[in-house]
Amino acid sequence: MAIINSPKKFKPDVFKLTEFRIKLVMKYVVYCYLEMVKDGKKYDFSKRGKLQQEDFLRNGLVDDYLSKKEYKDHYKKHISDNPLVEIYFQKEENQSYLLGGVLADDYIDISIKETRLSDILGATTSDEIKFAVECKRIKGSSDYDEYIKDIQKFADRPFTTYRLPYEGQIGFIEVDSISHTIASTEINKKLKTTSTITTLKYLTINNFHEKFDGGYLSIHARNYDKKQGFSIFHLFLNYSQIVSI
């Protein structure tokens, strides 16, 4: 992928190493999803209590799979190129941003920290490195608008601490009639008519795992500072047989 307005002091070799590690993280998310499918895991909305449905699915992915020691060990031994690396996941972690002179908090659906990634960027910033992933349920046409809102947020919010030129999005597809191809096509249609988001590359297949074909990459520009480019890695996960009402 070509470097587009890479941040100051973000050298090409660091850029490539960072992208490589982010892709390893995305491969791990896919691995955990495939384990979920293999397990025949079900998430019954009637048992979610006071949780929002989206949070219920997000929590299941993080608590039951991403954060489990056995799966994290698999990451270190079979996905990462460094067996000493550690990877951490946190739900609803806040990161402050300043917009129109007003300070506010952005709550990240899944905040991911990987120790090797922090080592690579140690000379770039003293801030803790976090890879932010936003999650959305997809079950009908109106949900694409909600998905686009997260892209708008990525474009609009100047954070007060370091933000990677990479973002992540996960779509939980809950109905058989919607494939990842349909979802990506509909999102691209909406991006083409959204004047407040500068899209440099529309969602294009960019798979992260040999047994999964629902991965995509898009590139956009921030709406502040020097209009720096940033990439979004998208995962569309088929939850049609996982969710239960």
C-alpha atoms as a PDB file:
ATOM      1  CA  MET A   1       0.000   0.000   0.000  1.00  0.00           C
ATOM      2  CA  ALA A   2       1.345   3.402  -0.915  1.00  0.00           C
ATOM      3  CA  ILE A   3       2.134   5.838   1.866  1.00  0.00           C
ATOM      4  CA  ILE A   4      -0.362   8.696   1.887  1.00  0.00           C
ATOM      5  CA  ASN A   5       0.497  11.769   3.927  1.00  0.00           C
ATOM      6  CA  SER A   6       2.245   9.724   6.590  1.00  0.00           C
ATOM      7  CA  PRO A   7       2.521  11.599   9.916  1.00  0.00           C
ATOM      8  CA  LYS A   8       5.616  13.597  10.802  1.00  0.00           C
ATOM      9  CA  LYS A   9       8.467  11.363  11.982  1.00  0.00           C
ATOM     10  CA  PHE A  10       6.540   8.301  10.814  1.00  0.00           C
ATOM     11  CA  LYS A  11       9.271   6.840   8.586  1.00  0.00           C
ATOM     12  CA  PRO A  12       8.405   4.457   5.727  1.00  0.00           C
ATOM     13  CA  ASP A  13      10.043   1.443   7.408  1.00  0.00           C
ATOM     14  CA  VAL A  14       8.140   2.152  10.641  1.00  0.00           C
ATOM     15  CA  PHE A  15       4.951   2.555   8.603  1.00  0.00           C
ATOM     16  CA  LYS A  16       5.449  -0.855   6.978  1.00  0.00           C
ATOM     17  CA  LEU A  17       6.278  -2.569  10.264  1.00  0.00           C
ATOM     18  CA  THR A  18       3.228  -1.017  11.921  1.00  0.00           C
ATOM     19  CA  GLU A  19       0.910  -2.103   9.113  1.00  0.00           C
ATOM     20  CA  PHE A  20       2.376  -5.600   9.248  1.00  0.00           C
ATOM     21  CA  ARG A  21       1.653  -5.895  12.972  1.00  0.00           C
ATOM     22  CA  ILE A  22      -1.877  -4.504  12.638  1.00  0.00           C
ATOM     23  CA  LYS A  23      -2.563  -7.178  10.025  1.00  0.00           C
ATOM     24  CA  LEU A  24      -1.330  -9.825  12.467  1.00  0.00           C
ATOM     25  CA  VAL A  25      -3.790  -8.484  15.036  1.00  0.00           C
ATOM     26  CA  MET A  26      -6.615  -8.657  12.494  1.00  0.00           C
ATOM     27  CA  LYS A  27      -5.605 -12.217  11.633  1.00  0.00           C
ATOM     28  CA  TYR A  28      -5.899 -13.071  15.311  1.00  0.00           C
ATOM     29  CA  VAL A  29      -9.421 -11.592  15.496  1.00  0.00           C
ATOM     30  CA  VAL A  30     -10.396 -13.737  12.507  1.00  0.00           C
ATOM     31  CA  TYR A  31      -8.792 -16.794  14.126  1.00  0.00           C
ATOM     32  CA  CYS A  32     -10.895 -16.260  17.261  1.00  0.00           C
ATOM     33  CA  TYR A  33     -14.035 -15.805  15.162  1.00  0.00           C
ATOM     34  CA  LEU A  34     -13.319 -19.088  13.339  1.00  0.00           C
ATOM     35  CA  GLU A  35     -12.873 -20.798  16.711  1.00  0.00           C
ATOM     36  CA  MET A  36     -16.238 -19.370  17.739  1.00  0.00           C
ATOM     37  CA  VAL A  37     -17.862 -20.845  14.634  1.00  0.00           C
ATOM     38  CA  LYS A  38     -16.139 -24.186  15.208  1.00  0.00           C
ATOM     39  CA  ASP A  39     -17.419 -24.217  18.798  1.00  0.00           C
ATOM     40  CA  GLY A  40     -20.980 -23.638  17.615  1.00  0.00           C
ATOM     41  CA  LYS A  41     -21.135 -20.676  19.995  1.00  0.00           C
ATOM     42  CA  LYS A  42     -24.525 -18.978  20.430  1.00  0.00           C
ATOM     43  CA  TYR A  43     -25.307 -15.544  21.860  1.00  0.00           C
ATOM     44  CA  ASP A  44     -28.921 -15.376  22.991  1.00  0.00           C
ATOM     45  CA  PHE A  45     -30.196 -11.789  23.131  1.00  0.00           C
ATOM     46  CA  SER A  46     -32.830 -12.831  25.671  1.00  0.00           C
ATOM     47  CA  LYS A  47     -29.942 -13.389  28.111  1.00  0.00           C
ATOM     48  CA  ARG A  48     -28.178 -10.065  27.591  1.00  0.00           C
ATOM     49  CA  GLY A  49     -29.750  -8.417  30.635  1.00  0.00           C
ATOM     50  CA  LYS A  50     -29.378  -4.637  30.487  1.00  0.00           C
ATOM     51  CA  LEU A  51     -26.624  -4.725  27.871  1.00  0.00           C
ATOM     52  CA  GLN A  52     -27.173  -3.228  24.449  1.00  0.00           C
ATOM     53  CA  GLN A  53     -27.254  -5.941  21.774  1.00  0.00           C
ATOM     54  CA  GLU A  54     -24.107  -4.600  20.101  1.00  0.00           C
ATOM     55  CA  ASP A  55     -22.254  -4.543  23.428  1.00  0.00           C
ATOM     56  CA  PHE A  56     -23.455  -8.071  24.202  1.00  0.00           C
ATOM     57  CA  LEU A  57     -21.867  -9.365  20.975  1.00  0.00           C
ATOM     58  CA  ARG A  58     -18.727  -7.268  21.439  1.00  0.00           C
ATOM     59  CA  ASN A  59     -18.302  -8.508  25.017  1.00  0.00           C
ATOM     60  CA  GLY A  60     -18.683 -12.113  23.905  1.00  0.00           C
ATOM     61  CA  LEU A  61     -15.972 -11.750  21.286  1.00  0.00           C
ATOM     62  CA  VAL A  62     -13.561 -10.105  23.742  1.00  0.00           C
ATOM     63  CA  ASP A  63     -14.292 -12.042  26.940  1.00  0.00           C
ATOM     64  CA  ASP A  64     -14.919 -15.511  25.496  1.00  0.00           C
ATOM     65  CA  TYR A  65     -12.214 -15.494  22.824  1.00  0.00           C
ATOM     66  CA  LEU A  66      -9.832 -12.572  22.259  1.00  0.00           C
ATOM     67  CA  SER A  67      -8.773 -12.282  25.902  1.00  0.00           C
ATOM     68  CA  LYS A  68      -8.556 -15.996  26.719  1.00  0.00           C
ATOM     69  CA  LYS A  69      -5.060 -17.214  27.552  1.00  0.00           C
ATOM     70  CA  GLU A  70      -5.232 -20.264  25.252  1.00  0.00           C
ATOM     71  CA  TYR A  71      -6.024 -18.091  22.232  1.00  0.00           C
ATOM     72  CA  LYS A  72      -3.493 -15.415  23.149  1.00  0.00           C
ATOM     73  CA  ASP A  73      -0.892 -18.177  23.421  1.00  0.00           C
ATOM     74  CA  HIS A  74      -1.848 -19.244  19.902  1.00  0.00           C
ATOM     75  CA  TYR A  75      -1.231 -15.662  18.765  1.00  0.00           C
ATOM     76  CA  LYS A  76       2.256 -15.662  20.266  1.00  0.00           C
ATOM     77  CA  LYS A  77       3.192 -19.089  18.913  1.00  0.00           C
ATOM     78  CA  HIS A  78       1.493 -19.257  15.522  1.00  0.00           C
ATOM     79  CA  ILE A  79       0.523 -15.764  14.316  1.00  0.00           C
ATOM     80  CA  SER A  80       3.002 -13.256  15.715  1.00  0.00           C
ATOM     81  CA  ASP A  81       6.597 -13.360  14.487  1.00  0.00           C
ATOM     82  CA  ASN A  82       7.759 -12.825  18.074  1.00  0.00           C
ATOM     83  CA  PRO A  83       6.833 -15.419  20.746  1.00  0.00           C
ATOM     84  CA  LEU A  84       7.516 -12.896  23.528  1.00  0.00           C
ATOM     85  CA  VAL A  85       4.895 -10.425  22.347  1.00  0.00           C
ATOM     86  CA  GLU A  86       1.848  -9.751  24.536  1.00  0.00           C
ATOM     87  CA  ILE A  87      -1.558  -8.628  23.333  1.00  0.00           C
ATOM     88  CA  TYR A  88      -4.287  -6.998  25.433  1.00  0.00           C
ATOM     89  CA  PHE A  89      -7.931  -6.099  24.817  1.00  0.00           C
ATOM     90  CA  GLN A  90     -10.084  -3.574  26.648  1.00  0.00           C
ATOM     91  CA  LYS A  91     -13.734  -2.656  26.118  1.00  0.00           C
ATOM     92  CA  GLU A  92     -15.032   0.917  26.180  1.00  0.00           C
ATOM     93  CA  GLU A  93     -11.677   2.559  26.833  1.00  0.00           C
ATOM     94  CA  ASN A  94     -11.846   6.326  26.500  1.00  0.00           C
ATOM     95  CA  GLN A  95      -9.559   8.600  24.486  1.00  0.00           C
ATOM     96  CA  SER A  96     -10.015  12.370  24.619  1.00  0.00           C
ATOM     97  CA  TYR A  97     -10.371  14.622  21.596  1.00  0.00           C
ATOM     98  CA  LEU A  98     -10.746  18.369  21.074  1.00  0.00           C
ATOM     99  CA  LEU A  99     -13.323  19.599  18.580  1.00  0.00           C
ATOM    100  CA  GLY A 100     -14.399  23.220  18.246  1.00  0.00           C
ATOM    101  CA  GLY A 101     -12.451  24.094  21.362  1.00  0.00           C
ATOM    102  CA  VAL A 102     -14.445  21.599  23.447  1.00  0.00           C
ATOM    103  CA  LEU A 103     -12.827  18.595  25.133  1.00  0.00           C
ATOM    104  CA  ALA A 104     -14.763  15.320  24.966  1.00  0.00           C
ATOM    105  CA  ASP A 105     -14.193  11.591  25.346  1.00  0.00           C
ATOM    106  CA  ASP A 106     -14.439   8.994  22.617  1.00  0.00           C
ATOM    107  CA  TYR A 107     -15.241   5.508  23.890  1.00  0.00           C
ATOM    108  CA  ILE A 108     -13.519   2.810  21.845  1.00  0.00           C
ATOM    109  CA  ASP A 109     -15.498  -0.432  21.441  1.00  0.00           C
ATOM    110  CA  ILE A 110     -12.336  -2.561  21.518  1.00  0.00           C
ATOM    111  CA  SER A 111      -8.963  -1.045  22.358  1.00  0.00           C
ATOM    112  CA  ILE A 112      -6.041  -3.319  21.451  1.00  0.00           C
ATOM    113  CA  LYS A 113      -2.490  -3.043  22.728  1.00  0.00           C
ATOM    114  CA  GLU A 114       0.332  -5.165  21.372  1.00  0.00           C
ATOM    115  CA  THR A 115       3.762  -4.848  22.990  1.00  0.00           C
ATOM    116  CA  ARG A 116       5.808  -5.150  19.802  1.00  0.00           C
ATOM    117  CA  LEU A 117       3.717  -2.447  18.179  1.00  0.00           C
ATOM    118  CA  SER A 118       4.460  -0.167  21.126  1.00  0.00           C
ATOM    119  CA  ASP A 119       8.189  -0.895  20.773  1.00  0.00           C
ATOM    120  CA  ILE A 120       8.164   0.036  17.080  1.00  0.00           C
ATOM    121  CA  LEU A 121       6.494   3.391  17.728  1.00  0.00           C
ATOM    122  CA  GLY A 122       8.344   4.232  20.926  1.00  0.00           C
ATOM    123  CA  ALA A 123      10.426   6.902  19.185  1.00  0.00           C
ATOM    124  CA  THR A 124       7.345   8.456  17.564  1.00  0.00           C
ATOM    125  CA  THR A 125       5.361   9.225  20.701  1.00  0.00           C
ATOM    126  CA  SER A 126       5.501   8.791  24.471  1.00  0.00           C
ATOM    127  CA  ASP A 127       1.770   7.999  24.486  1.00  0.00           C
ATOM    128  CA  GLU A 128       0.505   4.465  24.922  1.00  0.00           C
ATOM    129  CA  ILE A 129      -0.201   2.895  21.533  1.00  0.00           C
ATOM    130  CA  LYS A 130      -3.778   1.730  21.040  1.00  0.00           C
ATOM    131  CA  PHE A 131      -5.376   0.205  17.973  1.00  0.00           C
ATOM    132  CA  ALA A 132      -9.041   1.200  18.016  1.00  0.00           C
ATOM    133  CA  VAL A 133     -11.763  -1.100  16.676  1.00  0.00           C
ATOM    134  CA  GLU A 134     -15.408  -0.045  16.420  1.00  0.00           C
ATOM    135  CA  CYS A 135     -18.220  -2.604  16.181  1.00  0.00           C
ATOM    136  CA  LYS A 136     -21.632  -2.440  14.518  1.00  0.00           C
ATOM    137  CA  ARG A 137     -24.488  -4.883  14.025  1.00  0.00           C
ATOM    138  CA  ILE A 138     -25.610  -5.288  10.409  1.00  0.00           C
ATOM    139  CA  LYS A 139     -29.090  -6.648   9.824  1.00  0.00           C
ATOM    140  CA  GLY A 140     -30.714  -4.162   7.443  1.00  0.00           C
ATOM    141  CA  SER A 141     -30.154  -1.139   5.197  1.00  0.00           C
ATOM    142  CA  SER A 142     -30.280   1.435   8.002  1.00  0.00           C
ATOM    143  CA  ASP A 143     -27.284  -0.187   9.701  1.00  0.00           C
ATOM    144  CA  TYR A 144     -24.965   0.949   6.904  1.00  0.00           C
ATOM    145  CA  ASP A 145     -25.658   4.537   7.977  1.00  0.00           C
ATOM    146  CA  GLU A 146     -24.527   3.644  11.483  1.00  0.00           C
ATOM    147  CA  TYR A 147     -21.406   1.984  10.104  1.00  0.00           C
ATOM    148  CA  ILE A 148     -20.580   5.138   8.126  1.00  0.00           C
ATOM    149  CA  LYS A 149     -20.929   7.225  11.308  1.00  0.00           C
ATOM    150  CA  ASP A 150     -17.875   5.480  12.750  1.00  0.00           C
ATOM    151  CA  ILE A 151     -15.860   6.341   9.630  1.00  0.00           C
ATOM    152  CA  GLN A 152     -17.042   9.942  10.023  1.00  0.00           C
ATOM    153  CA  LYS A 153     -15.874   9.879  13.638  1.00  0.00           C
ATOM    154  CA  PHE A 154     -12.439   8.604  12.600  1.00  0.00           C
ATOM    155  CA  ALA A 155     -12.201  11.457  10.096  1.00  0.00           C
ATOM    156  CA  ASP A 156     -13.453  14.248  12.368  1.00  0.00           C
ATOM    157  CA  ARG A 157     -11.947  13.790  15.813  1.00  0.00           C
ATOM    158  CA  PRO A 158      -8.478  15.224  16.579  1.00  0.00           C
ATOM    159  CA  PHE A 159      -7.336  13.227  19.586  1.00  0.00           C
ATOM    160  CA  THR A 160      -5.227  14.751  22.323  1.00  0.00           C
ATOM    161  CA  THR A 161      -3.022  11.639  22.517  1.00  0.00           C
ATOM    162  CA  TYR A 162      -1.383   9.724  19.691  1.00  0.00           C
ATOM    163  CA  ARG A 163      -3.703   7.979  17.257  1.00  0.00           C
ATOM    164  CA  LEU A 164      -2.442   5.421  14.774  1.00  0.00           C
ATOM    165  CA  PRO A 165      -3.017   6.112  11.060  1.00  0.00           C
ATOM    166  CA  TYR A 166      -4.953   2.834  11.154  1.00  0.00           C
ATOM    167  CA  GLU A 167      -8.435   2.128  12.460  1.00  0.00           C
ATOM    168  CA  GLY A 168     -10.495  -1.047  12.667  1.00  0.00           C
ATOM    169  CA  GLN A 169     -14.160  -1.834  12.132  1.00  0.00           C
ATOM    170  CA  ILE A 170     -16.084  -5.046  12.751  1.00  0.00           C
ATOM    171  CA  GLY A 171     -19.512  -5.683  11.282  1.00  0.00           C
ATOM    172  CA  PHE A 172     -21.567  -8.416  12.949  1.00  0.00           C
ATOM    173  CA  ILE A 173     -23.777  -9.580  10.057  1.00  0.00           C
ATOM    174  CA  GLU A 174     -26.858 -11.136  11.628  1.00  0.00           C
ATOM    175  CA  VAL A 175     -28.938 -12.243   8.629  1.00  0.00           C
ATOM    176  CA  ASP A 176     -28.303 -14.835   5.907  1.00  0.00           C
ATOM    177  CA  SER A 177     -29.476 -12.490   3.168  1.00  0.00           C
ATOM    178  CA  ILE A 178     -26.522 -10.114   3.690  1.00  0.00           C
ATOM    179  CA  SER A 179     -23.057 -11.275   2.624  1.00  0.00           C
ATOM    180  CA  HIS A 180     -19.801  -9.413   3.172  1.00  0.00           C
ATOM    181  CA  THR A 181     -19.905  -8.548  -0.538  1.00  0.00           C
ATOM    182  CA  ILE A 182     -23.334  -6.942  -0.200  1.00  0.00           C
ATOM    183  CA  ALA A 183     -22.297  -5.092   2.947  1.00  0.00           C
ATOM    184  CA  SER A 184     -19.095  -3.685   1.433  1.00  0.00           C
ATOM    185  CA  THR A 185     -20.910  -2.670  -1.762  1.00  0.00           C
ATOM    186  CA  GLU A 186     -23.620  -0.808   0.162  1.00  0.00           C
ATOM    187  CA  ILE A 187     -21.063   0.947   2.361  1.00  0.00           C
ATOM    188  CA  ASN A 188     -19.085   2.016  -0.714  1.00  0.00           C
ATOM    189  CA  LYS A 189     -22.272   3.422  -2.268  1.00  0.00           C
ATOM    190  CA  LYS A 190     -22.875   5.538   0.799  1.00  0.00           C
ATOM    191  CA  LEU A 191     -19.253   6.694   0.946  1.00  0.00           C
ATOM    192  CA  LYS A 192     -19.540   7.926  -2.647  1.00  0.00           C
ATOM    193  CA  THR A 193     -22.406  10.219  -1.642  1.00  0.00           C
ATOM    194  CA  THR A 194     -20.961  11.383   1.691  1.00  0.00           C
ATOM    195  CA  SER A 195     -19.338  14.777   1.148  1.00  0.00           C
ATOM    196  CA  THR A 196     -17.961  15.027   4.694  1.00  0.00           C
ATOM    197  CA  ILE A 197     -15.713  11.981   4.295  1.00  0.00           C
ATOM    198  CA  THR A 198     -12.790  12.120   1.867  1.00  0.00           C
ATOM    199  CA  THR A 199     -12.311   8.570   0.593  1.00  0.00           C
ATOM    200  CA  LEU A 200      -8.997   7.882  -1.130  1.00  0.00           C
ATOM    201  CA  LYS A 201      -9.670   4.163  -1.602  1.00  0.00           C
ATOM    202  CA  TYR A 202     -13.045   2.483  -1.274  1.00  0.00           C
ATOM    203  CA  LEU A 203     -13.497  -0.812   0.549  1.00  0.00           C
ATOM    204  CA  THR A 204     -11.424  -3.396  -1.305  1.00  0.00           C
ATOM    205  CA  ILE A 205     -10.921  -7.042  -0.377  1.00  0.00           C
ATOM    206  CA  ASN A 206      -7.852  -7.425   1.817  1.00  0.00           C
ATOM    207  CA  ASN A 207      -8.068 -10.728   3.598  1.00  0.00           C
ATOM    208  CA  PHE A 208      -6.048 -11.379   6.728  1.00  0.00           C
ATOM    209  CA  HIS A 209      -6.571 -15.128   7.100  1.00  0.00           C
ATOM    210  CA  GLU A 210      -6.408 -17.941   4.554  1.00  0.00           C
ATOM    211  CA  LYS A 211      -9.750 -19.363   5.752  1.00  0.00           C
ATOM    212  CA  PHE A 212     -11.683 -16.100   5.773  1.00  0.00           C
ATOM    213  CA  ASP A 213     -12.785 -13.885   2.891  1.00  0.00           C
ATOM    214  CA  GLY A 214     -14.635 -11.058   4.664  1.00  0.00           C
ATOM    215  CA  GLY A 215     -11.690  -8.691   5.191  1.00  0.00           C
ATOM    216  CA  TYR A 216     -11.433  -5.278   3.503  1.00  0.00           C
ATOM    217  CA  LEU A 217      -9.257  -2.157   3.429  1.00  0.00           C
ATOM    218  CA  SER A 218     -10.275   1.443   2.803  1.00  0.00           C
ATOM    219  CA  ILE A 219      -8.279   4.678   2.961  1.00  0.00           C
ATOM    220  CA  HIS A 220      -9.599   8.108   3.953  1.00  0.00           C
ATOM    221  CA  ALA A 221      -8.325  11.537   4.988  1.00  0.00           C
ATOM    222  CA  ARG A 222      -8.643  13.239   8.354  1.00  0.00           C
ATOM    223  CA  ASN A 223     -10.757  16.401   8.353  1.00  0.00           C
ATOM    224  CA  TYR A 224      -8.221  18.353  10.391  1.00  0.00           C
ATOM    225  CA  ASP A 225      -4.542  19.280  10.571  1.00  0.00           C
ATOM    226  CA  LYS A 226      -2.900  18.392   7.250  1.00  0.00           C
ATOM    227  CA  LYS A 227      -5.678  16.093   6.010  1.00  0.00           C
ATOM    228  CA  GLN A 228      -3.440  13.119   6.717  1.00  0.00           C
ATOM    229  CA  GLY A 229      -4.422   9.782   5.259  1.00  0.00           C
ATOM    230  CA  PHE A 230      -5.485   6.865   7.428  1.00  0.00           C
ATOM    231  CA  SER A 231      -6.444   3.279   6.681  1.00  0.00           C
ATOM    232  CA  ILE A 232      -9.377   1.283   8.004  1.00  0.00           C
ATOM    233  CA  PHE A 233      -9.238  -2.492   8.209  1.00  0.00           C
ATOM    234  CA  HIS A 234     -12.759  -3.951   8.043  1.00  0.00           C
ATOM    235  CA  LEU A 235     -13.948  -7.394   9.131  1.00  0.00           C
ATOM    236  CA  PHE A 236     -17.454  -8.547   8.219  1.00  0.00           C
ATOM    237  CA  LEU A 237     -18.257 -11.524  10.439  1.00  0.00           C
ATOM    238  CA  ASN A 238     -21.177 -13.819   9.648  1.00  0.00           C
ATOM    239  CA  TYR A 239     -23.154 -13.981  12.897  1.00  0.00           C
ATOM    240  CA  SER A 240     -26.369 -15.277  11.327  1.00  0.00           C
ATOM    241  CA  GLN A 241     -25.946 -18.664  13.037  1.00  0.00           C
ATOM    242  CA  ILE A 242     -24.370 -17.203  16.180  1.00  0.00           C
ATOM    243  CA  VAL A 243     -27.016 -14.756  17.372  1.00  0.00           C
ATOM    244  CA  SER A 244     -30.244 -16.038  18.855  1.00  0.00           C
ATOM    245  CA  ILE A 245     -33.334 -14.005  19.745  1.00  0.00           C
END
